[in-house]
Amino acid sequence: MTDPRGLLKVTARGQEWRLWLGMSVLADLQAKHGDDVLAKLDPPSDAGPGWMPSLQIIVDLFLGALQRYHVADADAYLVDEIIAENAGAFDALMAAAFPDQQDKPSGNRKRPKRAA
């Protein structure tokens, strides 16, 4: 049986944590960061090489995702440890919540090279 949409399991502090990115988390993010919160996670067209998304949005996203199953343990330090111990956790959580978006080409995709 596969995990439901929005669920990601990660390991940190020597134990497994379940993250759930569902509508309630997205609604909280919109309330805190605006209706365009997900767009704020993508670089603008004029982004320089040092651009990064709002780290507060990412922390709030992980805190919200932790709270469904781990409300007593969810804090910013656990978020730090989850991200540090799970390379790609943000991308994996977004892919779990929005799996149909993973196959669509992005605007930053490079054109295929011509054959020699």
C-alpha atoms as a PDB file:
ATOM      1  CA  MET A   1       0.000   0.000   0.000  1.00  0.00           C
ATOM      2  CA  THR A   2       1.356   3.417  -0.923  1.00  0.00           C
ATOM      3  CA  ASP A   3       1.342   6.385   1.407  1.00  0.00           C
ATOM      4  CA  PRO A   4      -1.504   8.861   0.930  1.00  0.00           C
ATOM      5  CA  ARG A   5      -0.869  12.032  -1.043  1.00  0.00           C
ATOM      6  CA  GLY A   6       0.924  14.582   1.085  1.00  0.00           C
ATOM      7  CA  LEU A   7       2.653  12.132   3.457  1.00  0.00           C
ATOM      8  CA  LEU A   8       6.439  11.908   3.687  1.00  0.00           C
ATOM      9  CA  LYS A   9       8.407   9.824   6.181  1.00  0.00           C
ATOM     10  CA  VAL A  10      11.831  11.069   7.254  1.00  0.00           C
ATOM     11  CA  THR A  11      14.356  10.184   9.926  1.00  0.00           C
ATOM     12  CA  ALA A  12      15.939  12.595  12.422  1.00  0.00           C
ATOM     13  CA  ARG A  13      17.143  12.296  16.009  1.00  0.00           C
ATOM     14  CA  GLY A  14      17.286   8.539  15.420  1.00  0.00           C
ATOM     15  CA  GLN A  15      13.544   8.127  14.858  1.00  0.00           C
ATOM     16  CA  GLU A  16      11.009   8.258  12.053  1.00  0.00           C
ATOM     17  CA  TRP A  17       8.827  11.338  11.623  1.00  0.00           C
ATOM     18  CA  ARG A  18       5.729  11.594   9.465  1.00  0.00           C
ATOM     19  CA  LEU A  19       5.188  14.882   7.667  1.00  0.00           C
ATOM     20  CA  TRP A  20       1.769  15.651   6.205  1.00  0.00           C
ATOM     21  CA  LEU A  21       1.418  18.542   3.769  1.00  0.00           C
ATOM     22  CA  GLY A  22      -2.327  18.902   3.308  1.00  0.00           C
ATOM     23  CA  MET A  23      -4.935  21.607   2.891  1.00  0.00           C
ATOM     24  CA  SER A  24      -4.827  22.733   6.526  1.00  0.00           C
ATOM     25  CA  VAL A  25      -1.082  23.415   6.300  1.00  0.00           C
ATOM     26  CA  LEU A  26      -1.497  25.223   2.984  1.00  0.00           C
ATOM     27  CA  ALA A  27      -4.326  27.317   4.435  1.00  0.00           C
ATOM     28  CA  ASP A  28      -2.147  28.296   7.410  1.00  0.00           C
ATOM     29  CA  LEU A  29       0.690  29.240   5.063  1.00  0.00           C
ATOM     30  CA  GLN A  30      -1.664  31.406   2.999  1.00  0.00           C
ATOM     31  CA  ALA A  31      -2.931  33.142   6.129  1.00  0.00           C
ATOM     32  CA  LYS A  32       0.619  33.882   7.332  1.00  0.00           C
ATOM     33  CA  HIS A  33       2.395  34.589   4.031  1.00  0.00           C
ATOM     34  CA  GLY A  34      -0.285  35.552   1.487  1.00  0.00           C
ATOM     35  CA  ASP A  35      -2.311  33.770  -1.152  1.00  0.00           C
ATOM     36  CA  ASP A  36       0.740  33.528  -3.420  1.00  0.00           C
ATOM     37  CA  VAL A  37       2.789  31.644  -0.819  1.00  0.00           C
ATOM     38  CA  LEU A  38       3.657  28.745  -3.135  1.00  0.00           C
ATOM     39  CA  ALA A  39       4.785  31.137  -5.876  1.00  0.00           C
ATOM     40  CA  LYS A  40       7.126  32.741  -3.344  1.00  0.00           C
ATOM     41  CA  LEU A  41       9.006  29.433  -3.166  1.00  0.00           C
ATOM     42  CA  ASP A  42       9.980  29.653  -6.856  1.00  0.00           C
ATOM     43  CA  PRO A  43      12.670  32.055  -8.032  1.00  0.00           C
ATOM     44  CA  PRO A  44      11.465  35.137  -9.899  1.00  0.00           C
ATOM     45  CA  SER A  45      12.553  35.519 -13.516  1.00  0.00           C
ATOM     46  CA  ASP A  46      15.210  38.071 -12.518  1.00  0.00           C
ATOM     47  CA  ALA A  47      16.626  36.004  -9.624  1.00  0.00           C
ATOM     48  CA  GLY A  48      20.364  36.143  -9.232  1.00  0.00           C
ATOM     49  CA  PRO A  49      22.610  33.195  -8.389  1.00  0.00           C
ATOM     50  CA  GLY A  50      22.313  33.847  -4.647  1.00  0.00           C
ATOM     51  CA  TRP A  51      18.502  33.865  -4.566  1.00  0.00           C
ATOM     52  CA  MET A  52      16.743  31.712  -1.999  1.00  0.00           C
ATOM     53  CA  PRO A  53      13.093  31.452  -0.980  1.00  0.00           C
ATOM     54  CA  SER A  54      11.826  32.820   2.302  1.00  0.00           C
ATOM     55  CA  LEU A  55      13.262  30.524   4.919  1.00  0.00           C
ATOM     56  CA  GLN A  56      10.402  31.425   7.265  1.00  0.00           C
ATOM     57  CA  ILE A  57       7.930  29.968   4.767  1.00  0.00           C
ATOM     58  CA  ILE A  58       9.937  26.746   4.637  1.00  0.00           C
ATOM     59  CA  VAL A  59      10.165  26.508   8.438  1.00  0.00           C
ATOM     60  CA  ASP A  60       6.419  27.185   8.757  1.00  0.00           C
ATOM     61  CA  LEU A  61       5.695  24.573   6.084  1.00  0.00           C
ATOM     62  CA  PHE A  62       7.687  21.890   7.922  1.00  0.00           C
ATOM     63  CA  LEU A  63       6.237  22.879  11.308  1.00  0.00           C
ATOM     64  CA  GLY A  64       2.731  22.579   9.942  1.00  0.00           C
ATOM     65  CA  ALA A  65       3.527  19.252   8.273  1.00  0.00           C
ATOM     66  CA  LEU A  66       4.939  17.889  11.549  1.00  0.00           C
ATOM     67  CA  GLN A  67       2.009  18.940  13.711  1.00  0.00           C
ATOM     68  CA  ARG A  68      -0.527  16.442  12.372  1.00  0.00           C
ATOM     69  CA  TYR A  69       1.295  13.466  13.898  1.00  0.00           C
ATOM     70  CA  HIS A  70       3.862  15.058  16.232  1.00  0.00           C
ATOM     71  CA  VAL A  71       2.303  18.181  17.732  1.00  0.00           C
ATOM     72  CA  ALA A  72       4.138  17.837  21.053  1.00  0.00           C
ATOM     73  CA  ASP A  73       7.549  17.559  19.353  1.00  0.00           C
ATOM     74  CA  ALA A  74       7.139  20.043  16.490  1.00  0.00           C
ATOM     75  CA  ASP A  75       9.500  22.978  16.855  1.00  0.00           C
ATOM     76  CA  ALA A  76      11.976  24.914  14.720  1.00  0.00           C
ATOM     77  CA  TYR A  77      14.940  22.894  16.026  1.00  0.00           C
ATOM     78  CA  LEU A  78      13.380  19.625  14.913  1.00  0.00           C
ATOM     79  CA  VAL A  79      12.723  21.224  11.518  1.00  0.00           C
ATOM     80  CA  ASP A  80      16.429  22.141  11.344  1.00  0.00           C
ATOM     81  CA  GLU A  81      17.438  18.566  12.134  1.00  0.00           C
ATOM     82  CA  ILE A  82      15.004  17.047   9.640  1.00  0.00           C
ATOM     83  CA  ILE A  83      16.300  19.276   6.862  1.00  0.00           C
ATOM     84  CA  ALA A  84      19.939  18.695   7.859  1.00  0.00           C
ATOM     85  CA  GLU A  85      19.568  14.902   8.012  1.00  0.00           C
ATOM     86  CA  ASN A  86      17.391  14.517   4.928  1.00  0.00           C
ATOM     87  CA  ALA A  87      18.911  16.104   1.849  1.00  0.00           C
ATOM     88  CA  GLY A  88      16.117  17.009  -0.508  1.00  0.00           C
ATOM     89  CA  ALA A  89      13.392  16.858   2.172  1.00  0.00           C
ATOM     90  CA  PHE A  90      11.729  20.022   0.909  1.00  0.00           C
ATOM     91  CA  ASP A  91      11.550  18.762  -2.687  1.00  0.00           C
ATOM     92  CA  ALA A  92      10.384  15.334  -1.504  1.00  0.00           C
ATOM     93  CA  LEU A  93       7.620  16.852   0.639  1.00  0.00           C
ATOM     94  CA  MET A  94       6.429  19.028  -2.237  1.00  0.00           C
ATOM     95  CA  ALA A  95       6.498  16.009  -4.572  1.00  0.00           C
ATOM     96  CA  ALA A  96       4.456  13.991  -2.058  1.00  0.00           C
ATOM     97  CA  ALA A  97       1.835  16.730  -1.838  1.00  0.00           C
ATOM     98  CA  PHE A  98       1.785  17.596  -5.558  1.00  0.00           C
ATOM     99  CA  PRO A  99       2.863  14.448  -7.436  1.00  0.00           C
ATOM    100  CA  ASP A 100       1.198  15.466 -10.696  1.00  0.00           C
ATOM    101  CA  GLN A 101       3.397  18.593 -10.869  1.00  0.00           C
ATOM    102  CA  GLN A 102       6.655  16.626 -11.005  1.00  0.00           C
ATOM    103  CA  ASP A 103       6.427  15.655 -14.667  1.00  0.00           C
ATOM    104  CA  LYS A 104       5.747  19.153 -15.986  1.00  0.00           C
ATOM    105  CA  PRO A 105       8.730  21.004 -17.429  1.00  0.00           C
ATOM    106  CA  SER A 106       9.788  24.117 -15.576  1.00  0.00           C
ATOM    107  CA  GLY A 107      10.495  27.466 -17.167  1.00  0.00           C
ATOM    108  CA  ASN A 108      14.155  27.118 -16.205  1.00  0.00           C
ATOM    109  CA  ARG A 109      14.716  23.906 -18.108  1.00  0.00           C
ATOM    110  CA  LYS A 110      17.642  23.877 -20.542  1.00  0.00           C
ATOM    111  CA  ARG A 111      17.082  23.164 -24.196  1.00  0.00           C
ATOM    112  CA  PRO A 112      18.285  19.704 -25.309  1.00  0.00           C
ATOM    113  CA  LYS A 113      21.731  19.692 -26.937  1.00  0.00           C
ATOM    114  CA  ARG A 114      21.953  19.042 -30.647  1.00  0.00           C
ATOM    115  CA  ALA A 115      23.573  15.850 -31.807  1.00  0.00           C
ATOM    116  CA  ALA A 116      27.128  16.289 -33.105  1.00  0.00           C
END
